[in-house]
Amino acid sequence: MGPDFKRPPPPAVKGYTSAPLPPALPAAGGLPAQTFVQGQDIPAQWWTLFHSPALNRLVERALKANPNLQAAEATLRQAQETYYAGRGELFPSVNASGTVNHEKIVGAQFGNPNFPGTMFTLYNASVGVSYGLDFFGLTRRSLEALVAQEDYQRFELESAYLTLTSNVVTAALQEASLRAQIAATSDIVDVQSQQLAIMERQLSVGAIAEVGVVQQRTALAQTRATLPALQKQLAQVRNQIAVLVGDFPGQGEPETFDLESLQLPQELPVSLPSRLVEQRPDIRASEALLHAANAQIGVATAEELPQLTLTGNVGSVATSANRLFKAGSGIWSIGANIVQPLFRGGTLLHQKRAAVAAHDAAVAHYRDTVLAAFQDVANVLDALQFDGQTLQSQLQASQSAAEGVDIARKQYQVGAANFLVLLNAQQAYAQTRIALAQARASRYADTAALFQALGGGWWNRGAGGPDGKTAKAANDAAGAQQRSSQP
């Protein structure tokens, strides 16, 4: 009873963004050009495309020891065992029982008060069989819902796997960005320190006014003040990486990362929109919940219909244990029981309506998940396009600022410019160096975000799941319904 589940069709859209994607993103800021490849598949170990052995080792450590991933694996095993337990409802229930009763009876129990009564022991051993005939699919729909819950947990595991690997890569890229910003800031501190030393010597011989030296000291102190904040962020990212790989902060020696040790992937896969609903674990998980809600309508419908149960019992009764199963001690019974709900105060009707409402909610949640997934991809594709423009502009700004510092320094040394000109040039250069490091890191981070938004390539891992034990997540949800109908 109830509707058969049909997978929602993929969205009828041809692209992710309002404007067509350019064929490639030009090289900028020392980073190579990147080409969009429509329909290209994503490798399961997509992080290896950054060609960083340290990053590869870090991800593998996280996959082996991260507690969130281990919890997701255990939850999947729980769902699998729950399904196996429910599958037993398709079979007859067989129970063996034995009793020993020591009794005394008197004649009054049988209408004969003159009978003095007697005591005896009664032994009973029997086997009972009970089998519920699933005429209207109550058990099968319940199993279908359990299979869908198992699929949901499987895709939740895939989501945990993708989230973990993406977080590790993102944290490593953030560390590399912070190291680049710290290095740039340290270089600026060195330049300003050298300039301060020169100015102090000039002040000692009366060549310049003291106000210029004070201003230079202030600028140096302000630049130095930015270092602790960056170092704090770096320490926090290092702590985050340690926890992601299952270590306590400060435990072990996690890998270190800088932008120079990473290579930017030059080919960017862009999955077809019709394939995104197959590839995103969160969409597949939402679909599994929709399947479960659909099956629950069948369960609620079957609850309103007759339930037929066959029972049988065979055994032996004797007054002593050694006479059990002897001739003349055998007993048996066979029967059938049918129950048709007639009046439950509207309980079954409203349970069915609640199941239909839950299905409607699951449909809406599924659509919301699909829309959010397409938004993720669109945001990343737009970000990648603007990253290149930002990076090129920041590179030009940094180069121009460096030239401005050189010109201002030479003019200041020959007296053609005052100190404020040099100070302003130094501050502008400091800002552009840090902004350039941030722009380069954003290009890496958004590249990693694209692989995550497109699903992470979990379907290419073959027979091994995230825990190395579970089978590859099914690509055809119809298989789940077929499994639910098999004993």
Protein backbone atom coordinates (compact mmCIF):
# COMPACT_ATOMS: atom_id res chain seq x y z
CA MET A 1 0.00 0.00 0.00
CA GLY A 2 1.03 3.59 -0.45
CA PRO A 3 2.88 5.31 -3.30
CA ASP A 4 6.01 3.80 -4.83
CA PHE A 5 9.04 6.06 -4.54
CA LYS A 6 10.24 7.84 -7.66
CA ARG A 7 13.47 9.81 -7.65
CA PRO A 8 12.99 13.53 -8.26
CA PRO A 9 14.12 14.56 -11.75
CA PRO A 10 17.25 16.74 -12.04
CA PRO A 11 16.67 20.49 -12.39
CA ALA A 12 16.08 21.63 -15.94
CA VAL A 13 18.90 24.18 -15.98
CA LYS A 14 21.88 24.34 -18.29
CA GLY A 15 24.35 26.31 -16.21
CA TYR A 16 25.20 27.58 -12.77
CA THR A 17 25.76 31.27 -13.43
CA SER A 18 23.73 33.88 -15.28
CA ALA A 19 26.60 34.61 -17.66
CA PRO A 20 28.52 31.88 -19.53
CA LEU A 21 31.81 30.86 -17.97
CA PRO A 22 34.97 32.02 -19.71
CA PRO A 23 37.04 29.22 -21.23
CA ALA A 24 39.93 29.98 -18.87
CA LEU A 25 41.11 32.16 -16.02
CA PRO A 26 44.27 34.04 -17.06
CA ALA A 27 47.54 33.69 -15.20
CA ALA A 28 47.99 36.34 -12.53
CA GLY A 29 50.25 37.11 -9.60
CA GLY A 30 52.70 34.36 -10.43
CA LEU A 31 49.95 31.73 -10.54
CA PRO A 32 49.22 29.78 -13.75
CA ALA A 33 46.11 30.05 -15.89
CA GLN A 34 43.20 27.77 -15.05
CA THR A 35 40.88 26.21 -17.62
CA PHE A 36 37.23 25.30 -17.01
CA VAL A 37 36.53 21.81 -18.35
CA GLN A 38 32.82 21.19 -18.77
CA GLY A 39 31.70 17.72 -17.74
CA GLN A 40 35.11 16.61 -16.46
CA ASP A 41 34.98 14.08 -13.65
CA ILE A 42 36.49 14.77 -10.23
CA PRO A 43 39.13 12.43 -8.80
CA ALA A 44 38.35 10.87 -5.45
CA GLN A 45 41.59 12.23 -3.94
CA TRP A 46 41.13 15.71 -5.40
CA TRP A 47 43.49 17.30 -2.89
CA THR A 48 46.43 15.55 -4.60
CA LEU A 49 46.00 18.00 -7.49
CA PHE A 50 47.79 20.60 -5.35
CA HIS A 51 50.91 18.38 -5.60
CA SER A 52 51.85 18.75 -1.96
CA PRO A 53 53.12 15.55 -0.29
CA ALA A 54 52.72 17.23 3.11
CA LEU A 55 49.05 17.98 2.38
CA ASN A 56 48.47 14.41 1.18
CA ARG A 57 49.96 13.01 4.39
CA LEU A 58 47.87 15.35 6.51
CA VAL A 59 44.61 14.35 4.82
CA GLU A 60 45.42 10.65 5.22
CA ARG A 61 46.11 11.17 8.92
CA ALA A 62 42.78 12.93 9.34
CA LEU A 63 40.89 10.15 7.54
CA LYS A 64 42.36 7.58 9.92
CA ALA A 65 41.93 9.39 13.23
CA ASN A 66 39.26 12.11 13.05
CA PRO A 67 36.57 11.35 15.69
CA ASN A 68 33.72 12.96 13.74
CA LEU A 69 34.37 10.64 10.81
CA GLN A 70 34.59 7.66 13.15
CA ALA A 71 31.25 8.65 14.71
CA ALA A 72 29.65 8.84 11.25
CA GLU A 73 31.03 5.39 10.42
CA ALA A 74 29.58 3.94 13.63
CA THR A 75 26.20 5.57 12.95
CA LEU A 76 26.14 3.95 9.52
CA ARG A 77 26.87 0.55 11.03
CA GLN A 78 24.03 1.14 13.49
CA ALA A 79 21.64 1.89 10.62
CA GLN A 80 22.77 -1.24 8.77
CA GLU A 81 22.23 -3.46 11.80
CA THR A 82 18.82 -1.87 12.41
CA TYR A 83 17.83 -2.82 8.86
CA TYR A 84 19.11 -6.37 9.31
CA ALA A 85 17.14 -6.63 12.55
CA GLY A 86 13.97 -5.39 10.86
CA ARG A 87 14.43 -7.84 8.00
CA GLY A 88 13.74 -10.66 10.44
CA GLU A 89 10.06 -9.61 10.42
CA LEU A 90 9.77 -11.24 6.99
CA PHE A 91 10.37 -14.68 8.51
CA PRO A 92 8.28 -16.81 10.87
CA SER A 93 8.96 -16.38 14.58
CA VAL A 94 9.89 -19.69 16.25
CA ASN A 95 10.15 -19.97 20.04
CA ALA A 96 10.84 -22.95 22.30
CA SER A 97 9.41 -22.94 25.80
CA GLY A 98 9.39 -25.19 28.81
CA THR A 99 7.54 -24.98 32.12
CA VAL A 100 7.43 -26.88 35.38
CA ASN A 101 4.43 -26.38 37.68
CA HIS A 102 3.92 -28.00 41.08
CA GLU A 103 0.22 -27.79 41.94
CA LYS A 104 -2.35 -28.89 44.46
CA ILE A 105 -5.98 -29.26 43.55
CA VAL A 106 -9.05 -29.98 45.69
CA GLY A 107 -12.43 -31.37 44.80
CA ALA A 108 -14.20 -28.08 45.36
CA GLN A 109 -12.51 -26.79 42.19
CA PHE A 110 -14.46 -29.39 40.23
CA GLY A 111 -17.72 -29.38 42.18
CA ASN A 112 -16.81 -32.36 44.37
CA PRO A 113 -16.15 -31.14 47.92
CA ASN A 114 -15.63 -34.69 49.17
CA PHE A 115 -12.53 -35.17 47.08
CA PRO A 116 -9.60 -34.72 49.47
CA GLY A 117 -7.32 -33.16 46.88
CA THR A 118 -3.93 -34.10 45.55
CA MET A 119 -0.58 -32.63 44.61
CA PHE A 120 1.27 -33.20 41.33
CA THR A 121 3.98 -31.75 39.12
CA LEU A 122 3.26 -30.90 35.48
CA TYR A 123 6.03 -30.65 32.89
CA ASN A 124 5.45 -28.88 29.56
CA ALA A 125 7.82 -28.53 26.60
CA SER A 126 6.67 -26.98 23.31
CA VAL A 127 7.69 -25.14 20.16
CA GLY A 128 5.53 -22.27 18.91
CA VAL A 129 5.53 -20.74 15.44
CA SER A 130 3.98 -17.39 14.53
CA TYR A 131 3.95 -15.81 11.08
CA GLY A 132 2.34 -12.54 10.11
CA LEU A 133 1.18 -12.51 6.48
CA ASP A 134 2.25 -9.20 4.99
CA PHE A 135 -0.74 -8.86 2.66
CA PHE A 136 -0.70 -5.09 2.46
CA GLY A 137 3.04 -4.46 2.72
CA LEU A 138 3.25 -3.13 6.26
CA THR A 139 6.51 -4.98 6.92
CA ARG A 140 7.92 -4.34 3.46
CA ARG A 141 7.23 -0.62 3.61
CA SER A 142 8.79 -0.51 7.08
CA LEU A 143 11.90 -2.20 5.70
CA GLU A 144 11.93 0.20 2.78
CA ALA A 145 12.01 3.08 5.26
CA LEU A 146 14.89 1.39 7.13
CA VAL A 147 16.83 0.97 3.88
CA ALA A 148 16.29 4.65 3.13
CA GLN A 149 17.56 5.53 6.60
CA GLU A 150 20.63 3.40 5.95
CA ASP A 151 21.20 5.26 2.68
CA TYR A 152 20.78 8.54 4.54
CA GLN A 153 23.49 7.59 7.03
CA ARG A 154 25.74 6.42 4.22
CA PHE A 155 25.51 9.78 2.50
CA GLU A 156 25.90 11.54 5.83
CA LEU A 157 29.17 9.63 6.13
CA GLU A 158 30.15 10.82 2.66
CA SER A 159 29.29 14.37 3.73
CA ALA A 160 31.46 13.99 6.82
CA TYR A 161 34.28 12.64 4.64
CA LEU A 162 33.99 15.56 2.22
CA THR A 163 33.71 18.13 5.01
CA LEU A 164 36.75 16.72 6.78
CA THR A 165 38.99 16.66 3.71
CA SER A 166 37.84 20.14 2.70
CA ASN A 167 38.45 21.50 6.20
CA VAL A 168 41.95 20.03 6.25
CA VAL A 169 42.80 21.54 2.86
CA THR A 170 41.25 24.89 3.78
CA ALA A 171 43.13 25.01 7.08
CA ALA A 172 46.41 24.19 5.31
CA LEU A 173 45.78 26.97 2.76
CA GLN A 174 44.89 29.38 5.55
CA GLU A 175 48.14 28.50 7.30
CA ALA A 176 50.05 29.13 4.07
CA SER A 177 48.30 32.48 3.66
CA LEU A 178 49.11 33.54 7.23
CA ARG A 179 52.74 32.53 6.83
CA ALA A 180 52.93 34.64 3.67
CA GLN A 181 51.36 37.61 5.47
CA ILE A 182 53.71 37.19 8.43
CA ALA A 183 56.70 36.98 6.09
CA ALA A 184 55.58 40.12 4.24
CA THR A 185 55.01 41.99 7.48
CA SER A 186 58.41 40.88 8.83
CA ASP A 187 60.11 42.14 5.68
CA ILE A 188 58.40 45.48 6.10
CA VAL A 189 59.53 45.61 9.74
CA ASP A 190 63.10 44.97 8.61
CA VAL A 191 62.93 47.77 6.00
CA GLN A 192 61.41 50.22 8.45
CA SER A 193 63.98 49.25 11.11
CA GLN A 194 66.81 49.92 8.68
CA GLN A 195 65.28 53.25 7.71
CA LEU A 196 64.91 54.15 11.42
CA ALA A 197 68.57 53.35 12.05
CA ILE A 198 69.58 55.65 9.18
CA MET A 199 67.36 58.43 10.44
CA GLU A 200 68.68 58.13 13.99
CA ARG A 201 72.24 58.54 12.67
CA GLN A 202 71.12 61.58 10.70
CA LEU A 203 69.46 62.98 13.81
CA SER A 204 72.65 62.51 15.81
CA VAL A 205 74.54 64.78 13.43
CA GLY A 206 71.72 67.29 13.17
CA ALA A 207 70.86 66.47 9.54
CA ILE A 208 67.13 66.01 10.18
CA ALA A 209 64.53 67.08 12.70
CA GLU A 210 63.52 64.82 15.56
CA VAL A 211 59.88 64.79 14.50
CA GLY A 212 60.74 62.62 11.49
CA VAL A 213 62.46 60.04 13.71
CA VAL A 214 59.48 59.93 16.05
CA GLN A 215 57.12 59.38 13.14
CA GLN A 216 59.29 56.57 11.81
CA ARG A 217 59.33 54.91 15.24
CA THR A 218 55.55 55.16 15.33
CA ALA A 219 55.22 53.58 11.90
CA LEU A 220 57.57 50.75 12.89
CA ALA A 221 55.64 50.12 16.12
CA GLN A 222 52.34 50.04 14.22
CA THR A 223 53.68 47.51 11.75
CA ARG A 224 55.09 45.35 14.53
CA ALA A 225 51.71 45.49 16.27
CA THR A 226 50.11 43.63 13.36
CA LEU A 227 52.41 40.62 13.83
CA PRO A 228 50.92 39.27 17.09
CA ALA A 229 47.43 39.18 15.57
CA LEU A 230 48.70 37.22 12.57
CA GLN A 231 50.71 34.91 14.79
CA LYS A 232 47.65 34.32 16.98
CA GLN A 233 45.63 33.33 13.91
CA LEU A 234 48.43 31.02 12.81
CA ALA A 235 48.55 29.34 16.21
CA GLN A 236 44.79 28.84 16.16
CA VAL A 237 44.92 27.33 12.67
CA ARG A 238 47.69 24.99 13.80
CA ASN A 239 45.52 23.92 16.73
CA GLN A 240 42.62 23.35 14.33
CA ILE A 241 44.78 21.16 12.09
CA ALA A 242 45.93 19.11 15.09
CA VAL A 243 42.33 18.44 16.13
CA LEU A 244 41.28 17.58 12.57
CA VAL A 245 43.89 14.82 12.45
CA GLY A 246 42.79 13.50 15.84
CA ASP A 247 45.58 14.98 17.97
CA PHE A 248 45.53 17.32 20.92
CA PRO A 249 46.81 20.86 20.23
CA GLY A 250 50.56 20.88 20.60
CA GLN A 251 50.77 17.09 20.31
CA GLY A 252 53.01 15.65 17.61
CA GLU A 253 54.56 17.56 14.75
CA PRO A 254 51.89 18.46 12.16
CA GLU A 255 52.99 19.35 8.66
CA THR A 256 53.69 22.99 7.86
CA PHE A 257 52.54 24.78 4.72
CA ASP A 258 53.44 27.77 2.63
CA LEU A 259 52.12 28.94 -0.74
CA GLU A 260 55.38 28.14 -2.52
CA SER A 261 55.02 24.43 -1.65
CA LEU A 262 51.61 24.20 -3.34
CA GLN A 263 50.73 24.06 -7.02
CA LEU A 264 47.50 25.49 -8.34
CA PRO A 265 45.43 22.95 -10.35
CA GLN A 266 45.33 24.15 -13.94
CA GLU A 267 42.14 22.29 -14.94
CA LEU A 268 38.91 23.05 -13.11
CA PRO A 269 36.13 20.49 -13.60
CA VAL A 270 32.61 21.81 -13.99
CA SER A 271 30.05 19.03 -13.63
CA LEU A 272 26.87 19.19 -15.67
CA PRO A 273 23.98 20.57 -13.60
CA SER A 274 22.04 17.36 -14.20
CA ARG A 275 24.87 15.43 -12.55
CA LEU A 276 25.19 17.64 -9.48
CA VAL A 277 22.17 16.01 -7.81
CA GLU A 278 23.95 12.66 -8.19
CA GLN A 279 27.27 13.89 -6.85
CA ARG A 280 26.45 16.06 -3.83
CA PRO A 281 26.23 13.88 -0.68
CA ASP A 282 23.88 16.34 1.01
CA ILE A 283 21.43 16.11 -1.89
CA ARG A 284 21.59 12.31 -1.88
CA ALA A 285 21.04 12.30 1.90
CA SER A 286 18.02 14.57 1.51
CA GLU A 287 16.71 12.27 -1.21
CA ALA A 288 17.06 9.29 1.13
CA LEU A 289 14.97 11.10 3.76
CA LEU A 290 12.37 11.79 1.07
CA HIS A 291 12.36 8.08 0.25
CA ALA A 292 11.87 7.18 3.92
CA ALA A 293 8.99 9.65 4.25
CA ASN A 294 7.38 8.17 1.15
CA ALA A 295 7.61 4.67 2.62
CA GLN A 296 6.03 5.83 5.87
CA ILE A 297 2.86 6.74 3.96
CA GLY A 298 2.61 3.08 2.97
CA VAL A 299 3.17 2.03 6.57
CA ALA A 300 0.40 4.33 7.81
CA THR A 301 -1.95 3.11 5.05
CA ALA A 302 -1.32 -0.57 5.83
CA GLU A 303 -2.00 0.06 9.52
CA GLU A 304 -5.65 0.78 8.61
CA LEU A 305 -6.11 -2.63 6.94
CA PRO A 306 -6.52 -6.17 8.32
CA GLN A 307 -3.52 -7.92 9.84
CA LEU A 308 -3.53 -11.75 9.57
CA THR A 309 -1.27 -13.89 11.75
CA LEU A 310 -0.89 -17.69 11.59
CA THR A 311 0.13 -19.54 14.75
CA GLY A 312 1.08 -23.10 15.49
CA ASN A 313 2.21 -24.95 18.60
CA VAL A 314 3.48 -28.49 19.16
CA GLY A 315 4.79 -29.98 22.38
CA SER A 316 4.46 -32.50 25.16
CA VAL A 317 2.88 -32.47 28.61
CA ALA A 318 3.68 -35.03 31.32
CA THR A 319 3.63 -35.40 35.08
CA SER A 320 7.32 -36.36 35.17
CA ALA A 321 10.26 -35.17 33.16
CA ASN A 322 11.19 -38.66 31.88
CA ARG A 323 7.74 -39.07 30.33
CA LEU A 324 8.00 -35.97 28.14
CA PHE A 325 7.76 -36.79 24.42
CA LYS A 326 6.50 -40.29 25.21
CA ALA A 327 3.50 -41.74 23.46
CA GLY A 328 0.30 -40.10 24.56
CA SER A 329 1.97 -36.91 25.86
CA GLY A 330 1.91 -34.93 22.65
CA ILE A 331 -0.20 -31.80 22.19
CA TRP A 332 -0.58 -29.41 19.28
CA SER A 333 -2.62 -26.46 18.10
CA ILE A 334 -2.92 -24.40 14.93
CA GLY A 335 -4.84 -21.23 14.38
CA ALA A 336 -5.19 -17.93 12.61
CA ASN A 337 -5.83 -14.48 13.97
CA ILE A 338 -7.12 -11.52 11.99
CA VAL A 339 -7.41 -7.99 13.31
CA GLN A 340 -9.27 -5.24 11.49
CA PRO A 341 -9.22 -1.82 13.17
CA LEU A 342 -12.78 -0.52 13.43
CA PHE A 343 -12.55 2.46 15.74
CA ARG A 344 -9.41 4.09 17.10
CA GLY A 345 -10.73 7.58 17.73
CA GLY A 346 -9.22 8.89 14.50
CA THR A 347 -5.69 7.81 15.45
CA LEU A 348 -4.92 5.87 12.28
CA LEU A 349 -6.45 8.51 10.00
CA HIS A 350 -4.41 11.29 11.52
CA GLN A 351 -1.26 9.17 11.54
CA LYS A 352 -1.64 8.77 7.80
CA ARG A 353 -2.23 12.49 7.34
CA ALA A 354 0.84 13.18 9.45
CA ALA A 355 2.87 10.85 7.21
CA VAL A 356 1.65 12.72 4.12
CA ALA A 357 2.58 16.05 5.74
CA ALA A 358 6.02 14.71 6.64
CA HIS A 359 6.46 13.69 3.01
CA ASP A 360 5.50 17.18 1.85
CA ALA A 361 8.07 18.63 4.25
CA ALA A 362 10.73 16.24 2.91
CA VAL A 363 9.92 17.37 -0.65
CA ALA A 364 10.40 21.00 0.34
CA HIS A 365 13.60 20.21 2.23
CA TYR A 366 14.96 18.34 -0.79
CA ARG A 367 14.28 21.28 -3.08
CA ASP A 368 15.91 23.67 -0.59
CA THR A 369 18.99 21.42 -0.47
CA VAL A 370 19.23 21.37 -4.26
CA LEU A 371 18.90 25.15 -4.49
CA ALA A 372 21.59 25.63 -1.83
CA ALA A 373 23.92 23.25 -3.67
CA PHE A 374 23.54 25.16 -6.95
CA GLN A 375 24.10 28.40 -5.04
CA ASP A 376 27.36 26.99 -3.62
CA VAL A 377 28.66 26.13 -7.07
CA ALA A 378 27.59 29.46 -8.53
CA ASN A 379 29.25 31.39 -5.70
CA VAL A 380 32.53 29.54 -6.14
CA LEU A 381 32.56 29.96 -9.93
CA ASP A 382 31.91 33.69 -9.55
CA ALA A 383 34.58 33.94 -6.87
CA LEU A 384 37.16 32.25 -9.08
CA GLN A 385 36.53 34.70 -11.88
CA PHE A 386 36.87 37.70 -9.59
CA ASP A 387 39.88 36.19 -7.79
CA GLY A 388 41.94 36.49 -10.95
CA GLN A 389 41.03 40.13 -11.39
CA THR A 390 41.73 40.87 -7.74
CA LEU A 391 45.05 39.05 -7.83
CA GLN A 392 46.23 40.88 -10.94
CA SER A 393 45.24 44.24 -9.47
CA GLN A 394 46.97 43.48 -6.15
CA LEU A 395 50.14 42.42 -8.00
CA GLN A 396 50.18 45.66 -9.96
CA ALA A 397 49.51 47.62 -6.79
CA SER A 398 52.34 45.87 -4.94
CA GLN A 399 54.78 46.44 -7.79
CA SER A 400 53.82 50.10 -8.05
CA ALA A 401 54.07 50.53 -4.28
CA ALA A 402 57.55 48.98 -4.27
CA GLU A 403 58.64 51.38 -7.00
CA GLY A 404 57.10 54.23 -5.03
CA VAL A 405 59.13 53.32 -1.94
CA ASP A 406 62.37 53.27 -3.93
CA ILE A 407 61.63 56.62 -5.52
CA ALA A 408 60.60 58.20 -2.22
CA ARG A 409 63.70 56.85 -0.46
CA LYS A 410 66.04 58.25 -3.10
CA GLN A 411 64.26 61.61 -3.09
CA TYR A 412 64.39 61.71 0.69
CA GLN A 413 68.11 60.90 0.76
CA VAL A 414 68.90 63.80 -1.57
CA GLY A 415 66.48 66.16 0.15
CA ALA A 416 64.00 66.29 -2.76
CA ALA A 417 61.12 64.97 -0.60
CA ASN A 418 60.21 65.19 3.05
CA PHE A 419 59.84 62.28 5.41
CA LEU A 420 56.05 62.11 5.13
CA VAL A 421 56.35 61.13 1.47
CA LEU A 422 58.59 58.20 2.39
CA LEU A 423 56.38 57.22 5.31
CA ASN A 424 53.25 57.17 3.16
CA ALA A 425 55.03 55.10 0.51
CA GLN A 426 56.14 52.57 3.11
CA GLN A 427 52.64 52.23 4.55
CA ALA A 428 51.13 51.77 1.09
CA TYR A 429 53.68 49.08 0.29
CA ALA A 430 52.98 47.27 3.56
CA GLN A 431 49.29 47.10 2.79
CA THR A 432 49.78 45.87 -0.78
CA ARG A 433 52.22 43.11 0.25
CA ILE A 434 49.73 41.68 2.73
CA ALA A 435 46.78 42.11 0.35
CA LEU A 436 48.73 40.29 -2.38
CA ALA A 437 49.37 37.32 -0.09
CA GLN A 438 45.67 37.21 0.80
CA ALA A 439 44.64 37.37 -2.86
CA ARG A 440 46.94 34.49 -3.81
CA ALA A 441 45.60 32.38 -0.94
CA SER A 442 42.01 33.15 -1.99
CA ARG A 443 42.72 31.73 -5.45
CA TYR A 444 43.89 28.47 -3.86
CA ALA A 445 41.03 28.38 -1.36
CA ASP A 446 38.33 28.97 -3.96
CA THR A 447 39.83 26.28 -6.16
CA ALA A 448 39.51 23.83 -3.28
CA ALA A 449 35.98 25.09 -2.60
CA LEU A 450 34.99 24.23 -6.19
CA PHE A 451 35.96 20.58 -5.70
CA GLN A 452 33.94 20.54 -2.47
CA ALA A 453 30.90 22.24 -4.02
CA LEU A 454 30.83 19.69 -6.86
CA GLY A 455 30.78 16.73 -4.46
CA GLY A 456 34.44 15.82 -4.00
CA GLY A 457 34.57 12.76 -6.30
CA TRP A 458 33.44 10.22 -3.66
CA TRP A 459 31.86 8.08 -6.40
CA ASN A 460 35.32 7.33 -7.83
CA ARG A 461 36.69 5.60 -4.74
CA GLY A 462 35.62 2.18 -6.01
CA ALA A 463 34.48 -0.50 -3.56
CA GLY A 464 35.98 1.06 -0.45
CA GLY A 465 34.00 3.59 1.55
CA PRO A 466 35.41 6.28 3.83
CA ASP A 467 36.08 3.69 6.54
CA GLY A 468 37.56 1.15 4.12
CA LYS A 469 34.79 -1.30 5.04
CA THR A 470 31.45 -0.12 3.75
CA ALA A 471 30.51 -0.66 0.13
CA LYS A 472 30.43 2.18 -2.35
CA ALA A 473 27.29 4.28 -1.95
CA ALA A 474 24.67 3.19 -4.45
CA ASN A 475 24.27 5.36 -7.51
CA ASP A 476 20.80 4.00 -8.17
CA ALA A 477 18.27 4.56 -5.41
CA ALA A 478 15.96 2.02 -7.05
CA GLY A 479 18.27 -0.64 -5.71
CA ALA A 480 17.24 0.28 -2.19
CA GLN A 481 13.61 -0.49 -2.91
CA GLN A 482 14.59 -3.82 -4.45
CA ARG A 483 16.57 -4.74 -1.33
CA SER A 484 13.66 -3.92 0.94
CA SER A 485 11.49 -6.54 -0.76
CA GLN A 486 14.02 -9.36 -0.35
CA PRO A 487 14.08 -11.59 2.77
